[in-house]
Amino acid sequence: MRRRRRSYSTSRRSSSRRNVRSNARPLALITIIFIFTLTLAPPIKNYFTQRAQISALKSQVASDRTALEKARAELSTWQDPNYIKSQARERLHFVLPGERQYIVTGTDITKSQPQTTQIASQLPEGAPWYTKLIASVTESGL
């Protein structure tokens, strides 16, 4: 009978060892996966950050290239002597020898509606024209 007890107790001990072993394997696997994740997380984050920076820099390079092409086109137009003459006439009011230049002042093309003074605009709609004239003259004098 002792043999049975020994075998029974031995089998009981081995089954408890099996339970510990069966619980230790998933725990060890989870630990390895956790350490693996902690090891790989920063490089993966850096990779995606750098990819975002690269795409931003590529778009900036593309916009800079378009600006460069526009600048080159403008430079080529400024190398034309006739264009330079026309710009000097328009912007700086230059004239060639023997020409006369007339500058008209007091006209503003952007103003499409007539100017009204504050006092003249406060007058009623049916007021005679001379009251508006007198109001605008008095306001100008102030």
C-alpha atoms as a PDB file:
ATOM      1  CA  MET A   1       0.000   0.000   0.000  1.00  0.00           C
ATOM      2  CA  ARG A   2       2.806   2.271   0.567  1.00  0.00           C
ATOM      3  CA  ARG A   3       3.748   2.012  -3.008  1.00  0.00           C
ATOM      4  CA  ARG A   4       0.369   3.236  -4.003  1.00  0.00           C
ATOM      5  CA  ARG A   5       0.589   6.101  -1.619  1.00  0.00           C
ATOM      6  CA  ARG A   6       3.964   6.984  -2.904  1.00  0.00           C
ATOM      7  CA  SER A   7       2.824   6.757  -6.467  1.00  0.00           C
ATOM      8  CA  TYR A   8      -0.279   8.695  -5.566  1.00  0.00           C
ATOM      9  CA  SER A   9       1.690  11.424  -3.827  1.00  0.00           C
ATOM     10  CA  THR A  10       4.295  11.392  -6.584  1.00  0.00           C
ATOM     11  CA  SER A  11       1.643  11.744  -9.229  1.00  0.00           C
ATOM     12  CA  ARG A  12       0.071  14.532  -7.211  1.00  0.00           C
ATOM     13  CA  ARG A  13       3.400  16.357  -6.994  1.00  0.00           C
ATOM     14  CA  SER A  14       4.040  15.902 -10.700  1.00  0.00           C
ATOM     15  CA  SER A  15       0.578  17.209 -11.538  1.00  0.00           C
ATOM     16  CA  SER A  16       1.191  20.283  -9.390  1.00  0.00           C
ATOM     17  CA  ARG A  17       4.514  20.742 -11.194  1.00  0.00           C
ATOM     18  CA  ARG A  18       2.683  20.439 -14.488  1.00  0.00           C
ATOM     19  CA  ASN A  19       0.225  23.140 -13.406  1.00  0.00           C
ATOM     20  CA  VAL A  20       3.092  25.440 -12.484  1.00  0.00           C
ATOM     21  CA  ARG A  21       4.818  24.683 -15.774  1.00  0.00           C
ATOM     22  CA  SER A  22       1.637  25.192 -17.763  1.00  0.00           C
ATOM     23  CA  ASN A  23       1.054  28.545 -16.033  1.00  0.00           C
ATOM     24  CA  ALA A  24       4.690  29.610 -16.465  1.00  0.00           C
ATOM     25  CA  ARG A  25       4.807  29.164 -20.236  1.00  0.00           C
ATOM     26  CA  PRO A  26       2.076  31.694 -21.118  1.00  0.00           C
ATOM     27  CA  LEU A  27       3.461  34.055 -18.509  1.00  0.00           C
ATOM     28  CA  ALA A  28       6.938  33.804 -20.043  1.00  0.00           C
ATOM     29  CA  LEU A  29       5.477  34.290 -23.533  1.00  0.00           C
ATOM     30  CA  ILE A  30       3.557  37.375 -22.431  1.00  0.00           C
ATOM     31  CA  THR A  31       6.700  38.738 -20.772  1.00  0.00           C
ATOM     32  CA  ILE A  32       8.755  38.202 -23.933  1.00  0.00           C
ATOM     33  CA  ILE A  33       6.099  39.871 -26.081  1.00  0.00           C
ATOM     34  CA  PHE A  34       5.923  42.822 -23.665  1.00  0.00           C
ATOM     35  CA  ILE A  35       9.715  43.298 -23.712  1.00  0.00           C
ATOM     36  CA  PHE A  36       9.721  42.938 -27.495  1.00  0.00           C
ATOM     37  CA  THR A  37       7.029  45.604 -27.766  1.00  0.00           C
ATOM     38  CA  LEU A  38       8.889  47.971 -25.466  1.00  0.00           C
ATOM     39  CA  THR A  39      12.024  47.462 -27.499  1.00  0.00           C
ATOM     40  CA  LEU A  40      10.387  48.114 -30.871  1.00  0.00           C
ATOM     41  CA  ALA A  41       7.983  50.944 -29.951  1.00  0.00           C
ATOM     42  CA  PRO A  42      10.459  53.892 -30.045  1.00  0.00           C
ATOM     43  CA  PRO A  43      12.028  52.976 -33.412  1.00  0.00           C
ATOM     44  CA  ILE A  44       8.590  52.507 -34.952  1.00  0.00           C
ATOM     45  CA  LYS A  45       7.464  55.871 -33.601  1.00  0.00           C
ATOM     46  CA  ASN A  46      10.613  57.495 -34.980  1.00  0.00           C
ATOM     47  CA  TYR A  47      10.011  55.852 -38.347  1.00  0.00           C
ATOM     48  CA  PHE A  48       6.505  57.274 -38.694  1.00  0.00           C
ATOM     49  CA  THR A  49       7.624  60.696 -37.454  1.00  0.00           C
ATOM     50  CA  GLN A  50      10.395  60.779 -40.023  1.00  0.00           C
ATOM     51  CA  ARG A  51       8.030  59.670 -42.785  1.00  0.00           C
ATOM     52  CA  ALA A  52       5.735  62.584 -41.914  1.00  0.00           C
ATOM     53  CA  GLN A  53       8.677  64.987 -41.972  1.00  0.00           C
ATOM     54  CA  ILE A  54       9.828  63.623 -45.316  1.00  0.00           C
ATOM     55  CA  SER A  55       6.391  64.103 -46.879  1.00  0.00           C
ATOM     56  CA  ALA A  56       6.197  67.665 -45.503  1.00  0.00           C
ATOM     57  CA  LEU A  57       9.634  68.447 -46.906  1.00  0.00           C
ATOM     58  CA  LYS A  58       8.688  66.982 -50.297  1.00  0.00           C
ATOM     59  CA  SER A  59       5.646  69.234 -50.499  1.00  0.00           C
ATOM     60  CA  GLN A  60       7.778  72.230 -49.489  1.00  0.00           C
ATOM     61  CA  VAL A  61      10.334  71.368 -52.176  1.00  0.00           C
ATOM     62  CA  ALA A  62       7.541  71.162 -54.751  1.00  0.00           C
ATOM     63  CA  SER A  63       6.163  74.567 -53.779  1.00  0.00           C
ATOM     64  CA  ASP A  64       9.685  76.025 -53.804  1.00  0.00           C
ATOM     65  CA  ARG A  65      10.233  74.650 -57.306  1.00  0.00           C
ATOM     66  CA  THR A  66       7.053  76.314 -58.573  1.00  0.00           C
ATOM     67  CA  ALA A  67       8.151  79.605 -56.984  1.00  0.00           C
ATOM     68  CA  LEU A  68      11.566  79.204 -58.611  1.00  0.00           C
ATOM     69  CA  GLU A  69       9.981  78.627 -62.016  1.00  0.00           C
ATOM     70  CA  LYS A  70       7.853  81.767 -61.568  1.00  0.00           C
ATOM     71  CA  ALA A  71      10.946  83.752 -60.605  1.00  0.00           C
ATOM     72  CA  ARG A  72      12.846  82.440 -63.632  1.00  0.00           C
ATOM     73  CA  ALA A  73       9.951  83.401 -65.906  1.00  0.00           C
ATOM     74  CA  GLU A  74       9.868  86.900 -64.407  1.00  0.00           C
ATOM     75  CA  LEU A  75      13.641  87.193 -64.812  1.00  0.00           C
ATOM     76  CA  SER A  76      13.374  86.264 -68.465  1.00  0.00           C
ATOM     77  CA  THR A  77      10.716  88.972 -68.995  1.00  0.00           C
ATOM     78  CA  TRP A  78      12.934  91.541 -67.280  1.00  0.00           C
ATOM     79  CA  GLN A  79      15.765  90.718 -69.680  1.00  0.00           C
ATOM     80  CA  ASP A  80      13.698  92.050 -72.576  1.00  0.00           C
ATOM     81  CA  PRO A  81      14.669  95.727 -73.226  1.00  0.00           C
ATOM     82  CA  ASN A  82      11.185  96.633 -74.493  1.00  0.00           C
ATOM     83  CA  TYR A  83       9.571  95.326 -71.305  1.00  0.00           C
ATOM     84  CA  ILE A  84      12.018  97.344 -69.201  1.00  0.00           C
ATOM     85  CA  LYS A  85      11.155 100.498 -71.183  1.00  0.00           C
ATOM     86  CA  SER A  86       7.432  99.935 -70.728  1.00  0.00           C
ATOM     87  CA  GLN A  87       7.800  99.339 -66.993  1.00  0.00           C
ATOM     88  CA  ALA A  88       9.986 102.440 -66.607  1.00  0.00           C
ATOM     89  CA  ARG A  89       7.348 104.501 -68.381  1.00  0.00           C
ATOM     90  CA  GLU A  90       4.498 103.051 -66.357  1.00  0.00           C
ATOM     91  CA  ARG A  91       6.041 102.877 -62.891  1.00  0.00           C
ATOM     92  CA  LEU A  92       8.637 105.647 -62.887  1.00  0.00           C
ATOM     93  CA  HIS A  93       7.043 107.995 -65.465  1.00  0.00           C
ATOM     94  CA  PHE A  94      10.147 108.049 -67.659  1.00  0.00           C
ATOM     95  CA  VAL A  95       9.929 109.505 -71.157  1.00  0.00           C
ATOM     96  CA  LEU A  96      12.208 109.159 -74.138  1.00  0.00           C
ATOM     97  CA  PRO A  97      13.952 112.231 -75.483  1.00  0.00           C
ATOM     98  CA  GLY A  98      11.582 114.320 -77.582  1.00  0.00           C
ATOM     99  CA  GLU A  99       8.413 112.997 -75.935  1.00  0.00           C
ATOM    100  CA  ARG A 100       6.043 114.907 -73.678  1.00  0.00           C
ATOM    101  CA  GLN A 101       4.439 113.430 -70.661  1.00  0.00           C
ATOM    102  CA  TYR A 102       1.105 114.502 -69.274  1.00  0.00           C
ATOM    103  CA  ILE A 103       0.020 113.459 -65.801  1.00  0.00           C
ATOM    104  CA  VAL A 104      -3.634 113.945 -64.956  1.00  0.00           C
ATOM    105  CA  THR A 105      -4.283 114.381 -61.269  1.00  0.00           C
ATOM    106  CA  GLY A 106      -7.480 114.374 -59.283  1.00  0.00           C
ATOM    107  CA  THR A 107      -9.054 111.376 -60.929  1.00  0.00           C
ATOM    108  CA  ASP A 108      -9.383 108.079 -59.220  1.00  0.00           C
ATOM    109  CA  ILE A 109     -10.638 105.233 -61.356  1.00  0.00           C
ATOM    110  CA  THR A 110     -11.408 103.017 -58.371  1.00  0.00           C
ATOM    111  CA  LYS A 111     -14.073 105.392 -57.028  1.00  0.00           C
ATOM    112  CA  SER A 112     -17.237 104.482 -58.900  1.00  0.00           C
ATOM    113  CA  GLN A 113     -19.775 106.266 -56.711  1.00  0.00           C
ATOM    114  CA  PRO A 114     -19.846 109.985 -55.952  1.00  0.00           C
ATOM    115  CA  GLN A 115     -18.509 111.151 -52.639  1.00  0.00           C
ATOM    116  CA  THR A 116     -20.970 112.434 -50.094  1.00  0.00           C
ATOM    117  CA  THR A 117     -20.069 114.257 -46.944  1.00  0.00           C
ATOM    118  CA  GLN A 118     -21.389 113.287 -43.562  1.00  0.00           C
ATOM    119  CA  ILE A 119     -23.659 116.299 -43.226  1.00  0.00           C
ATOM    120  CA  ALA A 120     -24.967 115.970 -46.779  1.00  0.00           C
ATOM    121  CA  SER A 121     -25.757 112.303 -46.212  1.00  0.00           C
ATOM    122  CA  GLN A 122     -27.734 113.170 -43.068  1.00  0.00           C
ATOM    123  CA  LEU A 123     -30.073 115.493 -44.946  1.00  0.00           C
ATOM    124  CA  PRO A 124     -33.479 114.088 -45.927  1.00  0.00           C
ATOM    125  CA  GLU A 125     -33.946 112.577 -49.380  1.00  0.00           C
ATOM    126  CA  GLY A 126     -36.214 115.330 -50.762  1.00  0.00           C
ATOM    127  CA  ALA A 127     -34.008 118.253 -49.709  1.00  0.00           C
ATOM    128  CA  PRO A 128     -33.163 120.751 -52.444  1.00  0.00           C
ATOM    129  CA  TRP A 129     -29.761 120.531 -54.100  1.00  0.00           C
ATOM    130  CA  TYR A 130     -28.558 123.854 -52.777  1.00  0.00           C
ATOM    131  CA  THR A 131     -28.951 122.716 -49.150  1.00  0.00           C
ATOM    132  CA  LYS A 132     -26.688 119.749 -49.879  1.00  0.00           C
ATOM    133  CA  LEU A 133     -24.225 122.123 -51.563  1.00  0.00           C
ATOM    134  CA  ILE A 134     -24.197 124.472 -48.596  1.00  0.00           C
ATOM    135  CA  ALA A 135     -23.824 121.542 -46.159  1.00  0.00           C
ATOM    136  CA  SER A 136     -20.850 120.102 -48.045  1.00  0.00           C
ATOM    137  CA  VAL A 137     -19.169 123.542 -48.278  1.00  0.00           C
ATOM    138  CA  THR A 138     -19.588 124.169 -44.578  1.00  0.00           C
ATOM    139  CA  GLU A 139     -18.252 120.714 -43.743  1.00  0.00           C
ATOM    140  CA  SER A 140     -15.226 121.286 -45.963  1.00  0.00           C
ATOM    141  CA  GLY A 141     -14.550 124.531 -44.158  1.00  0.00           C
ATOM    142  CA  LEU A 142     -14.494 122.771 -40.814  1.00  0.00           C
END
